[in-house]
Amino acid sequence: MVHEYDYIVVGSGSGGAVVAGRLCEDPDVDVLVVEAGGRSRPNMNVQIPAAFAKQFHTKMDWDYRTEPEPHLNDREIYLPRGKMLGGSSGMNAMIVVRGNRSDYDGWAASGATGWSYDEMLPLFRRMETNSRGADQFHGDRGPQYIEDAPDPRAISRQMVEAMVESGIPRNEDFNGEKQEGAGLFQRFTRNGQRWTTYDGYLAPHRKQKNLTITSGAVVHRVLIEDGRAVGVMVRVGREVRTIRARREVILSAGAYNTPQLLMLSGIGPAEHLLERGIEPIIDNPHVGAHLMDHPFYLMNWETTNDDTLVSAEKPAQLVRYLTRRTGMLTSNVGEVGAFTHTSVIDDAPTMEMIGAPAYFWQHGAGTHDGAAIAIGLSLVGARSEGSVRLRSLNPEDAPRIQHNYFDDPDDMTAMIDGIEQAREVVASDPLRPWVGRELHPGPGYDSSRAATEAAVRADVEHTYHPSCTARMGTPETGVLDETLRVHGVRGLRVVDASAMPRITHGNTHAPTMLIGEKAADMIRQESA
């Protein structure tokens, strides 16, 4: 059976839900969203902010792993990605960070005309309803709810004071005039509950006749005829369907799955495609290249402070959450943030500290007998690049992912600088009375830079921010033009984090939503 729509959007995550929701605001346009995951009823581990890590390794997780990482003792690194309506916006830590002005100005300078910070700011304002109200940087009428933490832990506020005491300037708004500084994060929540891109952009349109959402559907490839994308092949249950697009196919499958789909469709490095038995339609070596993320090293300390999240799973906290939307379960765990510079020169802060009033290790799976606090060092100025390649011709096999963390030696220099900064924060007056034994890196490593480097290689993870694998650029430098159209193929766009020319200095959910907003505007302007 052949089905037909004006637009087919593959993926309902941070970019896909946004562009689909905006497009179906036009009643004369019909939109299909194809989502591999699904959610037939509300899931408490999605809705409760503090429970995000409980989704890992479940049916809501793509549950990917890297190939052995050459600079991390050949470890395979776990890569959670949301497989549900809302994508990874239903699985992340909900931190609201747009990045730095220099990120968007850098995109524009590299050839992405129309993507400068001043041009993006109105779109950021348009997409949000901020609990602080509207001002020159924020909006109060958008579909994406953003709010301050309703019940942050006292030790979190002490972490902020310790950061300031150690020399980091105070900053009440990382998305305002300046990014640098320390403060409490705003979160993508509404009344203490997670607010996903599905909640904001798709759910309000579910009853419209011009929006169809097909969940539990795995796209196998894009159909290309005479140089034009005309539809997709998709498996729904045991049935493989052909679905055709009158206007465009929009890939929003994320920085791992979007390049995988492009390559399965004949768009990518010709030599690699031929090795897999795929006849190249477009030879573009940048498909699946330039993979970027933010390495993340977690430090933990024991604490004598009695206001941590150690009791978050007690029944009383669940009752408090369900009845009043307050208490420990409203925490996103990473309550505190700081953006700082390191010795590695950059146009923006290279390090993001994420402070948590809790023990956090091994993606939340680690346990500790007693109260603890954590400071995670997210290297938002990372320079190393990796790749995504096909594992096989089977579209449902996980792709081969190699992040190549710390291939650039400057990344290790900056990470060690950040760890030393975190130790200074913990040693400052506001925290010193409450902090005991360092658990990570801990007693197995001394405080020398050589020992710290060994600890990083042994235990570093990442901040769940894969990007740049189908980046904007010229046909010689990238995969997409500045309107997100795939070079050499008509009717095919990419609208997700893979489109970023360079990764932003911060959490990537808000910038990916921005890409969705920008894409919708460009598509509507072109079809007007």
Protein backbone atom coordinates (compact mmCIF):
# COMPACT_ATOMS: atom_id res chain seq x y z
CA MET A 1 0.00 0.00 0.00
CA VAL A 2 1.32 3.45 -0.93
CA HIS A 3 0.52 6.40 1.34
CA GLU A 4 1.18 10.05 0.43
CA TYR A 5 1.69 13.27 2.39
CA ASP A 6 3.07 16.72 1.66
CA TYR A 7 5.88 16.36 4.19
CA ILE A 8 7.35 13.27 5.81
CA VAL A 9 9.32 13.98 8.99
CA VAL A 10 11.49 11.08 10.16
CA GLY A 11 11.88 11.38 13.94
CA SER A 12 9.89 13.26 16.60
CA GLY A 13 12.75 14.52 18.77
CA SER A 14 14.30 17.91 19.43
CA GLY A 15 14.25 18.96 15.77
CA GLY A 16 11.58 16.78 14.20
CA ALA A 17 8.72 17.56 16.56
CA VAL A 18 9.40 21.28 16.20
CA VAL A 19 9.46 21.41 12.41
CA ALA A 20 6.45 19.09 12.11
CA GLY A 21 4.43 21.04 14.66
CA ARG A 22 5.12 24.33 12.95
CA LEU A 23 4.38 23.00 9.45
CA CYS A 24 1.00 21.56 10.43
CA GLU A 25 -0.08 24.98 11.68
CA ASP A 26 -1.01 25.49 8.01
CA PRO A 27 -4.31 23.60 7.55
CA ASP A 28 -3.61 23.19 3.83
CA VAL A 29 -0.48 21.12 4.48
CA ASP A 30 -0.54 17.51 5.61
CA VAL A 31 2.38 16.19 7.64
CA LEU A 32 3.41 12.67 8.57
CA VAL A 33 5.73 12.09 11.53
CA VAL A 34 7.40 8.68 11.54
CA GLU A 35 8.77 7.65 14.94
CA ALA A 36 10.62 4.41 15.68
CA GLY A 37 9.63 4.50 19.33
CA GLY A 38 6.33 5.40 20.88
CA ARG A 39 4.47 6.11 24.07
CA SER A 40 0.95 4.77 24.37
CA ARG A 41 0.47 6.15 27.88
CA PRO A 42 2.34 8.56 30.17
CA ASN A 43 5.51 7.08 31.64
CA MET A 44 6.47 8.24 35.13
CA ASN A 45 10.19 7.89 34.45
CA VAL A 46 9.77 10.35 31.58
CA GLN A 47 7.61 12.79 33.48
CA ILE A 48 9.56 12.87 36.78
CA PRO A 49 12.69 14.99 36.24
CA ALA A 50 14.88 13.11 38.72
CA ALA A 51 14.10 9.75 37.07
CA PHE A 52 15.69 10.40 33.67
CA ALA A 53 18.49 7.84 34.13
CA LYS A 54 15.94 5.09 34.81
CA GLN A 55 15.09 5.14 31.11
CA PHE A 56 18.57 3.99 30.11
CA HIS A 57 18.81 0.44 28.72
CA THR A 58 15.02 0.18 28.36
CA LYS A 59 12.76 -0.09 25.32
CA MET A 60 12.74 3.73 25.23
CA ASP A 61 16.49 3.79 24.54
CA TRP A 62 18.32 3.07 21.28
CA ASP A 63 21.02 1.77 23.64
CA TYR A 64 23.96 2.34 21.31
CA ARG A 65 27.65 1.85 22.05
CA THR A 66 30.75 3.21 20.39
CA GLU A 67 33.41 1.11 18.81
CA PRO A 68 36.49 0.72 21.07
CA GLU A 69 37.70 4.29 21.63
CA PRO A 70 41.43 4.53 20.82
CA HIS A 71 42.21 7.32 23.31
CA LEU A 72 40.14 5.81 26.16
CA ASN A 73 41.98 2.52 26.67
CA ASP A 74 39.86 0.96 23.91
CA ARG A 75 36.71 1.20 26.03
CA GLU A 76 33.29 1.02 24.40
CA ILE A 77 31.20 3.98 25.56
CA TYR A 78 27.47 3.69 26.21
CA LEU A 79 25.35 6.09 24.13
CA PRO A 80 21.74 6.47 25.31
CA ARG A 81 19.32 8.04 22.84
CA GLY A 82 15.60 8.52 23.27
CA LYS A 83 13.39 6.11 21.30
CA MET A 84 9.97 7.58 21.99
CA LEU A 85 7.65 10.40 20.99
CA GLY A 86 9.76 13.45 21.78
CA GLY A 87 13.01 11.57 21.19
CA SER A 88 15.85 12.46 23.51
CA SER A 89 13.87 15.45 24.85
CA GLY A 90 12.11 12.77 26.90
CA MET A 91 15.37 11.33 28.25
CA ASN A 92 17.77 14.22 28.80
CA ALA A 93 18.50 16.20 31.97
CA MET A 94 16.31 19.10 30.77
CA ILE A 95 19.05 21.75 31.07
CA VAL A 96 18.32 24.92 29.11
CA VAL A 97 21.47 26.27 27.45
CA ARG A 98 21.41 27.92 24.05
CA GLY A 99 25.17 28.04 23.64
CA ASN A 100 27.33 31.07 23.02
CA ARG A 101 26.81 34.03 20.71
CA SER A 102 30.07 33.04 18.99
CA ASP A 103 28.61 29.65 18.03
CA TYR A 104 25.95 31.12 15.76
CA ASP A 105 28.15 33.93 14.48
CA GLY A 106 30.72 31.25 13.68
CA TRP A 107 28.14 29.26 11.73
CA ALA A 108 27.25 32.36 9.72
CA ALA A 109 30.90 33.21 9.09
CA SER A 110 31.53 29.69 7.77
CA GLY A 111 28.84 30.14 5.11
CA ALA A 112 25.57 29.41 6.92
CA THR A 113 24.00 32.70 5.89
CA GLY A 114 21.07 33.71 8.08
CA TRP A 115 22.22 31.80 11.18
CA SER A 116 23.96 34.54 13.17
CA TYR A 117 23.10 35.03 16.84
CA ASP A 118 21.15 38.24 16.24
CA GLU A 119 19.07 36.44 13.62
CA MET A 120 18.50 33.43 15.90
CA LEU A 121 17.51 35.34 19.04
CA PRO A 122 13.93 36.07 17.87
CA LEU A 123 13.43 32.35 17.21
CA PHE A 124 14.73 31.42 20.66
CA ARG A 125 12.29 33.93 22.15
CA ARG A 126 9.42 32.66 19.97
CA MET A 127 9.76 29.05 21.02
CA GLU A 128 9.61 29.52 24.79
CA THR A 129 7.24 30.32 27.60
CA ASN A 130 9.66 31.25 30.34
CA SER A 131 8.55 31.32 33.96
CA ARG A 132 10.51 34.56 34.41
CA GLY A 133 8.44 36.32 31.76
CA ALA A 134 9.42 38.08 28.56
CA ASP A 135 12.40 40.39 28.07
CA GLN A 136 14.93 41.09 25.34
CA PHE A 137 16.29 37.54 25.62
CA HIS A 138 13.22 35.49 26.52
CA GLY A 139 9.65 34.86 25.45
CA ASP A 140 6.44 34.06 27.29
CA ARG A 141 4.10 32.78 24.56
CA GLY A 142 5.90 29.83 22.99
CA PRO A 143 5.07 26.11 23.04
CA GLN A 144 8.18 25.11 25.00
CA TYR A 145 7.87 25.65 28.75
CA ILE A 146 10.96 26.66 30.71
CA GLU A 147 11.13 27.30 34.44
CA ASP A 148 13.40 27.66 37.42
CA ALA A 149 13.75 24.63 39.67
CA PRO A 150 10.76 24.70 42.05
CA ASP A 151 12.62 23.11 44.97
CA PRO A 152 16.43 23.11 44.59
CA ARG A 153 18.51 21.57 47.36
CA ALA A 154 20.25 23.90 49.81
CA ILE A 155 23.59 22.25 49.01
CA SER A 156 23.05 23.27 45.38
CA ARG A 157 22.87 26.91 46.40
CA GLN A 158 26.03 26.39 48.43
CA MET A 159 27.73 25.00 45.33
CA VAL A 160 26.89 28.20 43.50
CA GLU A 161 28.36 30.26 46.35
CA ALA A 162 31.47 28.07 46.31
CA MET A 163 31.90 28.62 42.58
CA VAL A 164 31.63 32.38 43.07
CA GLU A 165 34.01 32.27 46.04
CA SER A 166 36.55 30.43 43.86
CA GLY A 167 36.55 33.26 41.31
CA ILE A 168 33.77 32.40 38.86
CA PRO A 169 31.42 35.37 38.31
CA ARG A 170 27.79 34.97 39.33
CA ASN A 171 25.33 34.55 36.47
CA GLU A 172 21.57 34.34 36.94
CA ASP A 173 20.88 33.63 33.25
CA PHE A 174 23.18 31.55 31.02
CA ASN A 175 20.94 32.45 28.07
CA GLY A 176 21.04 36.18 28.63
CA GLU A 177 23.66 38.79 27.90
CA LYS A 178 26.62 36.57 28.84
CA GLN A 179 27.16 32.85 29.15
CA GLU A 180 30.14 32.84 31.52
CA GLY A 181 29.48 32.47 35.24
CA ALA A 182 27.82 30.31 37.88
CA GLY A 183 24.19 29.85 38.88
CA LEU A 184 21.22 27.50 38.95
CA PHE A 185 20.02 26.10 35.64
CA GLN A 186 16.62 26.69 34.17
CA ARG A 187 14.96 23.51 32.95
CA PHE A 188 12.57 22.30 30.25
CA THR A 189 9.78 21.60 32.72
CA ARG A 190 6.25 22.79 33.45
CA ASN A 191 4.97 22.80 37.02
CA GLY A 192 7.85 20.58 38.05
CA GLN A 193 7.26 17.98 35.31
CA ARG A 194 9.34 17.35 32.17
CA TRP A 195 8.08 19.16 29.08
CA THR A 196 9.20 17.49 25.84
CA THR A 197 9.07 18.68 22.25
CA TYR A 198 6.20 16.23 21.76
CA ASP A 199 4.32 17.94 24.62
CA GLY A 200 4.92 21.40 23.21
CA TYR A 201 4.81 20.98 19.44
CA LEU A 202 2.90 17.82 18.52
CA ALA A 203 0.40 17.03 21.27
CA PRO A 204 -1.58 20.28 20.70
CA HIS A 205 -2.14 19.23 17.06
CA ARG A 206 -2.89 15.51 17.54
CA LYS A 207 -6.59 15.89 16.71
CA GLN A 208 -5.94 17.82 13.50
CA LYS A 209 -6.64 15.95 10.30
CA ASN A 210 -3.48 17.29 8.68
CA LEU A 211 -1.10 15.67 11.21
CA THR A 212 -0.47 11.93 11.25
CA ILE A 213 1.93 10.37 13.76
CA THR A 214 3.00 6.80 13.07
CA SER A 215 4.93 5.36 16.00
CA GLY A 216 6.72 2.02 16.19
CA ALA A 217 7.86 2.65 12.61
CA VAL A 218 11.46 2.17 11.48
CA VAL A 219 12.53 3.95 8.30
CA HIS A 220 14.80 1.80 6.12
CA ARG A 221 15.80 4.32 3.47
CA VAL A 222 14.83 7.41 1.53
CA LEU A 223 13.45 6.79 -1.95
CA ILE A 224 15.22 8.92 -4.56
CA GLU A 225 14.03 9.16 -8.17
CA ASP A 226 15.71 11.31 -10.82
CA GLY A 227 17.65 13.23 -8.20
CA ARG A 228 14.64 13.92 -5.99
CA ALA A 229 13.56 12.45 -2.64
CA VAL A 230 10.05 11.16 -3.22
CA GLY A 231 9.36 9.18 -0.07
CA VAL A 232 10.60 6.55 2.38
CA MET A 233 10.54 2.81 2.90
CA VAL A 234 9.37 2.10 6.44
CA ARG A 235 8.61 -0.99 8.52
CA VAL A 236 5.53 -0.81 10.71
CA GLY A 237 5.14 -4.02 12.63
CA ARG A 238 5.78 -6.79 10.10
CA GLU A 239 4.69 -4.68 7.15
CA VAL A 240 7.12 -2.71 4.95
CA ARG A 241 5.41 0.31 3.45
CA THR A 242 6.21 2.81 0.77
CA ILE A 243 5.20 6.31 1.84
CA ARG A 244 5.54 9.12 -0.68
CA ALA A 245 6.14 12.83 -0.12
CA ARG A 246 4.62 15.37 -2.47
CA ARG A 247 6.96 18.12 -1.31
CA GLU A 248 9.80 17.01 0.99
CA VAL A 249 11.32 14.31 3.11
CA ILE A 250 12.79 15.75 6.32
CA LEU A 251 15.31 13.64 8.25
CA SER A 252 15.27 14.39 11.98
CA ALA A 253 16.60 11.05 13.21
CA GLY A 254 19.56 12.45 15.13
CA ALA A 255 23.31 12.60 14.66
CA TYR A 256 23.67 8.80 14.57
CA ASN A 257 20.62 7.69 12.61
CA THR A 258 20.36 10.54 10.10
CA PRO A 259 23.76 9.84 8.48
CA GLN A 260 22.96 6.13 8.63
CA LEU A 261 19.75 6.75 6.63
CA LEU A 262 21.55 8.99 4.16
CA MET A 263 24.15 6.30 3.50
CA LEU A 264 21.56 3.53 3.21
CA SER A 265 19.89 5.75 0.60
CA GLY A 266 23.06 6.10 -1.47
CA ILE A 267 24.26 9.46 -0.14
CA GLY A 268 27.69 9.38 1.49
CA PRO A 269 31.33 8.39 0.99
CA ALA A 270 31.33 6.43 -2.26
CA GLU A 271 34.10 4.05 -1.26
CA HIS A 272 32.35 3.14 1.99
CA LEU A 273 28.99 2.69 0.24
CA LEU A 274 30.49 0.42 -2.41
CA GLU A 275 32.13 -1.67 0.32
CA ARG A 276 28.65 -2.23 1.73
CA GLY A 277 27.16 -3.03 -1.65
CA ILE A 278 25.29 0.27 -2.07
CA GLU A 279 25.39 2.09 -5.40
CA PRO A 280 26.30 5.73 -4.66
CA ILE A 281 23.85 8.37 -5.81
CA ILE A 282 25.80 11.25 -4.28
CA ASP A 283 29.46 10.85 -3.32
CA ASN A 284 29.88 13.04 -0.25
CA PRO A 285 32.63 12.12 2.26
CA HIS A 286 31.17 14.48 4.87
CA VAL A 287 28.13 12.30 5.50
CA GLY A 288 28.78 10.65 8.85
CA ALA A 289 32.04 12.58 9.34
CA HIS A 290 32.85 15.37 11.83
CA LEU A 291 30.95 13.71 14.72
CA MET A 292 31.31 15.92 17.79
CA ASP A 293 30.22 15.61 21.43
CA HIS A 294 31.25 16.98 24.82
CA PRO A 295 33.39 14.60 26.91
CA PHE A 296 32.13 14.46 30.49
CA TYR A 297 34.12 13.55 33.59
CA LEU A 298 32.26 13.16 36.87
CA MET A 299 33.79 13.93 40.25
CA ASN A 300 32.06 12.79 43.45
CA TRP A 301 32.65 13.68 47.10
CA GLU A 302 31.11 12.42 50.30
CA THR A 303 29.20 15.06 52.22
CA THR A 304 27.81 15.51 55.71
CA ASN A 305 25.09 17.83 54.41
CA ASP A 306 21.65 16.31 54.99
CA ASP A 307 19.93 18.10 52.10
CA THR A 308 20.96 15.97 49.11
CA LEU A 309 18.92 13.64 46.90
CA VAL A 310 19.94 10.56 48.87
CA SER A 311 16.33 10.09 50.01
CA ALA A 312 14.69 10.91 46.68
CA GLU A 313 13.22 7.43 46.23
CA LYS A 314 11.46 7.33 49.58
CA PRO A 315 7.65 7.01 49.32
CA ALA A 316 7.16 10.37 50.98
CA GLN A 317 8.96 12.10 48.11
CA LEU A 318 6.75 10.43 45.52
CA VAL A 319 3.65 11.55 47.43
CA ARG A 320 5.00 15.09 47.63
CA TYR A 321 5.72 15.10 43.90
CA LEU A 322 2.34 13.70 42.91
CA THR A 323 0.32 15.99 45.18
CA ARG A 324 2.27 19.26 45.09
CA ARG A 325 4.91 18.97 42.34
CA THR A 326 7.63 19.82 44.84
CA GLY A 327 10.35 17.87 46.61
CA MET A 328 13.37 15.92 45.52
CA LEU A 329 11.77 14.28 42.48
CA THR A 330 11.37 17.68 40.79
CA SER A 331 15.17 17.89 40.64
CA ASN A 332 16.85 17.33 37.29
CA VAL A 333 19.89 16.17 39.35
CA GLY A 334 22.21 18.59 37.55
CA GLU A 335 20.81 21.65 39.31
CA VAL A 336 23.91 23.88 39.24
CA GLY A 337 25.92 25.21 36.34
CA ALA A 338 29.03 27.22 35.62
CA PHE A 339 30.69 28.17 32.35
CA THR A 340 34.40 28.88 32.66
CA HIS A 341 37.51 29.33 30.57
CA THR A 342 40.51 27.01 30.65
CA SER A 343 44.08 27.44 29.42
CA VAL A 344 42.92 26.40 25.94
CA ILE A 345 42.11 29.58 24.03
CA ASP A 346 38.58 29.74 22.65
CA ASP A 347 36.02 32.39 21.70
CA ALA A 348 33.69 31.05 24.41
CA PRO A 349 33.97 29.29 27.78
CA THR A 350 35.43 25.85 27.15
CA MET A 351 34.14 24.15 30.31
CA GLU A 352 30.66 23.64 31.71
CA MET A 353 30.50 22.53 35.32
CA ILE A 354 27.32 20.66 36.22
CA GLY A 355 26.78 20.39 39.96
CA ALA A 356 24.47 17.79 41.49
CA PRO A 357 23.27 17.33 45.08
CA ALA A 358 23.73 13.58 44.61
CA TYR A 359 26.16 10.80 43.87
CA PHE A 360 26.22 10.23 40.10
CA TRP A 361 28.39 7.63 38.38
CA GLN A 362 28.14 5.29 35.39
CA HIS A 363 25.21 7.18 33.87
CA GLY A 364 23.34 7.02 37.16
CA ALA A 365 23.73 3.26 37.61
CA GLY A 366 26.53 3.55 40.20
CA THR A 367 25.62 3.49 43.89
CA HIS A 368 27.23 4.83 47.06
CA ASP A 369 26.37 4.09 50.66
CA GLY A 370 25.79 7.57 52.00
CA ALA A 371 25.27 11.16 50.92
CA ALA A 372 27.44 12.70 48.21
CA ILE A 373 27.66 15.60 45.80
CA ALA A 374 28.95 15.58 42.24
CA ILE A 375 30.49 18.06 39.83
CA GLY A 376 30.57 16.96 36.22
CA LEU A 377 33.03 18.58 33.81
CA SER A 378 31.50 18.87 30.36
CA LEU A 379 34.10 19.94 27.82
CA VAL A 380 31.89 22.24 25.75
CA GLY A 381 34.90 23.53 23.82
CA ALA A 382 35.84 20.05 22.57
CA ARG A 383 37.64 19.88 19.23
CA SER A 384 38.00 16.16 18.50
CA GLU A 385 35.91 14.62 15.72
CA GLY A 386 34.70 11.10 15.07
CA SER A 387 32.48 9.33 12.55
CA VAL A 388 29.35 7.27 11.91
CA ARG A 389 29.52 4.42 9.41
CA LEU A 390 27.26 1.57 8.34
CA ARG A 391 27.64 -1.72 10.15
CA SER A 392 25.76 -3.65 7.47
CA LEU A 393 23.07 -3.35 4.83
CA ASN A 394 20.45 -4.13 7.46
CA PRO A 395 18.87 -0.74 8.28
CA GLU A 396 17.93 -2.01 11.75
CA ASP A 397 21.50 -2.82 12.74
CA ALA A 398 23.10 -0.15 14.92
CA PRO A 399 25.60 1.99 13.00
CA ARG A 400 29.32 1.90 13.75
CA ILE A 401 30.03 4.93 15.94
CA GLN A 402 33.54 6.18 16.73
CA HIS A 403 33.64 9.42 18.70
CA ASN A 404 37.42 9.61 18.84
CA TYR A 405 37.31 11.51 22.14
CA PHE A 406 40.59 13.31 23.00
CA ASP A 407 42.08 12.84 19.55
CA ASP A 408 42.97 16.54 19.84
CA PRO A 409 45.43 16.90 22.76
CA ASP A 410 44.00 20.32 23.65
CA ASP A 411 40.86 18.52 24.81
CA MET A 412 42.78 16.66 27.49
CA THR A 413 44.52 19.85 28.61
CA ALA A 414 41.17 21.61 29.03
CA MET A 415 39.59 18.64 30.83
CA ILE A 416 42.39 18.45 33.39
CA ASP A 417 42.11 22.22 33.89
CA GLY A 418 38.41 21.76 34.61
CA ILE A 419 39.03 19.01 37.17
CA GLU A 420 41.52 21.23 38.98
CA GLN A 421 38.96 24.07 38.95
CA ALA A 422 36.35 21.76 40.47
CA ARG A 423 38.72 20.86 43.31
CA GLU A 424 39.20 24.58 43.98
CA VAL A 425 35.42 25.02 44.16
CA VAL A 426 35.04 22.21 46.69
CA ALA A 427 37.92 23.56 48.77
CA SER A 428 36.36 27.04 49.06
CA ASP A 429 34.68 28.24 52.25
CA PRO A 430 31.00 27.62 51.36
CA LEU A 431 31.57 23.90 50.72
CA ARG A 432 34.65 22.98 52.75
CA PRO A 433 32.77 22.27 56.00
CA TRP A 434 30.39 19.88 54.25
CA VAL A 435 32.70 17.93 51.94
CA GLY A 436 34.66 14.84 52.91
CA ARG A 437 36.50 12.19 50.94
CA GLU A 438 36.92 12.55 47.18
CA LEU A 439 35.44 9.46 45.57
CA HIS A 440 36.32 10.17 41.91
CA PRO A 441 39.07 10.34 40.78
CA GLY A 442 39.61 9.39 44.41
CA PRO A 443 42.44 7.78 46.36
CA GLY A 444 43.55 5.60 43.47
CA TYR A 445 45.02 8.67 41.76
CA ASP A 446 47.19 11.46 43.12
CA SER A 447 46.52 15.08 42.18
CA SER A 448 49.22 15.32 39.50
CA ARG A 449 48.16 16.13 35.96
CA ALA A 450 49.56 12.80 34.74
CA ALA A 451 47.46 10.87 37.24
CA THR A 452 44.40 12.96 36.42
CA GLU A 453 44.86 12.22 32.73
CA ALA A 454 44.97 8.50 33.51
CA ALA A 455 41.73 8.83 35.47
CA VAL A 456 40.06 10.64 32.60
CA ARG A 457 41.04 7.99 30.08
CA ALA A 458 39.80 5.27 32.44
CA ASP A 459 36.41 6.74 33.35
CA VAL A 460 35.36 9.69 31.18
CA GLU A 461 31.96 9.45 29.54
CA HIS A 462 30.13 12.14 27.53
CA THR A 463 27.30 14.66 27.83
CA TYR A 464 24.88 13.01 25.36
CA HIS A 465 25.38 15.73 22.72
CA PRO A 466 26.19 14.04 19.35
CA SER A 467 26.23 16.57 16.53
CA CYS A 468 27.63 17.67 13.15
CA THR A 469 27.44 14.42 11.12
CA ALA A 470 25.52 16.05 8.26
CA ARG A 471 26.76 19.56 8.73
CA MET A 472 25.93 22.71 6.83
CA GLY A 473 28.64 23.79 4.42
CA THR A 474 29.48 23.96 0.75
CA PRO A 475 29.43 20.75 -1.31
CA GLU A 476 33.18 20.61 -0.65
CA THR A 477 32.93 21.06 3.15
CA GLY A 478 29.54 19.75 4.23
CA VAL A 479 26.33 17.89 3.49
CA LEU A 480 23.71 20.65 3.61
CA ASP A 481 23.31 24.15 2.27
CA GLU A 482 22.30 26.99 4.58
CA THR A 483 18.63 26.08 4.14
CA LEU A 484 19.34 22.52 5.39
CA ARG A 485 18.80 20.95 1.95
CA VAL A 486 21.03 17.99 1.08
CA HIS A 487 23.51 18.91 -1.64
CA GLY A 488 22.66 17.19 -4.90
CA VAL A 489 19.20 15.90 -3.94
CA ARG A 490 16.00 17.87 -4.32
CA GLY A 491 13.23 17.56 -1.76
CA LEU A 492 15.45 16.30 1.07
CA ARG A 493 16.40 18.21 4.23
CA VAL A 494 18.04 17.44 7.55
CA VAL A 495 16.60 19.06 10.67
CA ASP A 496 18.45 17.88 13.76
CA ALA A 497 21.78 18.27 15.59
CA SER A 498 23.67 16.61 12.74
CA ALA A 499 23.16 19.85 10.75
CA MET A 500 25.37 21.91 13.08
CA PRO A 501 28.56 23.13 11.36
CA ARG A 502 30.29 23.00 14.76
CA ILE A 503 28.92 21.85 18.09
CA THR A 504 27.66 24.61 20.35
CA HIS A 505 29.29 25.52 23.67
CA GLY A 506 26.65 23.94 25.88
CA ASN A 507 23.75 21.51 26.00
CA THR A 508 22.40 20.83 22.53
CA HIS A 509 18.64 20.39 23.05
CA ALA A 510 17.75 24.09 22.78
CA PRO A 511 19.98 24.67 19.70
CA THR A 512 18.41 21.66 17.99
CA MET A 513 14.93 23.01 18.68
CA LEU A 514 16.13 26.25 17.14
CA ILE A 515 17.12 24.35 13.99
CA GLY A 516 13.55 23.05 13.83
CA GLU A 517 12.10 26.55 14.16
CA LYS A 518 14.44 27.93 11.52
CA ALA A 519 13.70 25.05 9.16
CA ALA A 520 9.96 25.59 9.41
CA ASP A 521 10.35 29.26 8.55
CA MET A 522 12.53 28.51 5.52
CA ILE A 523 10.21 25.78 4.24
CA ARG A 524 7.15 28.01 4.56
CA GLN A 525 8.90 30.91 2.85
CA GLU A 526 9.97 28.72 -0.07
CA SER A 527 6.48 27.27 -0.55
CA ALA A 528 4.67 30.61 -0.26
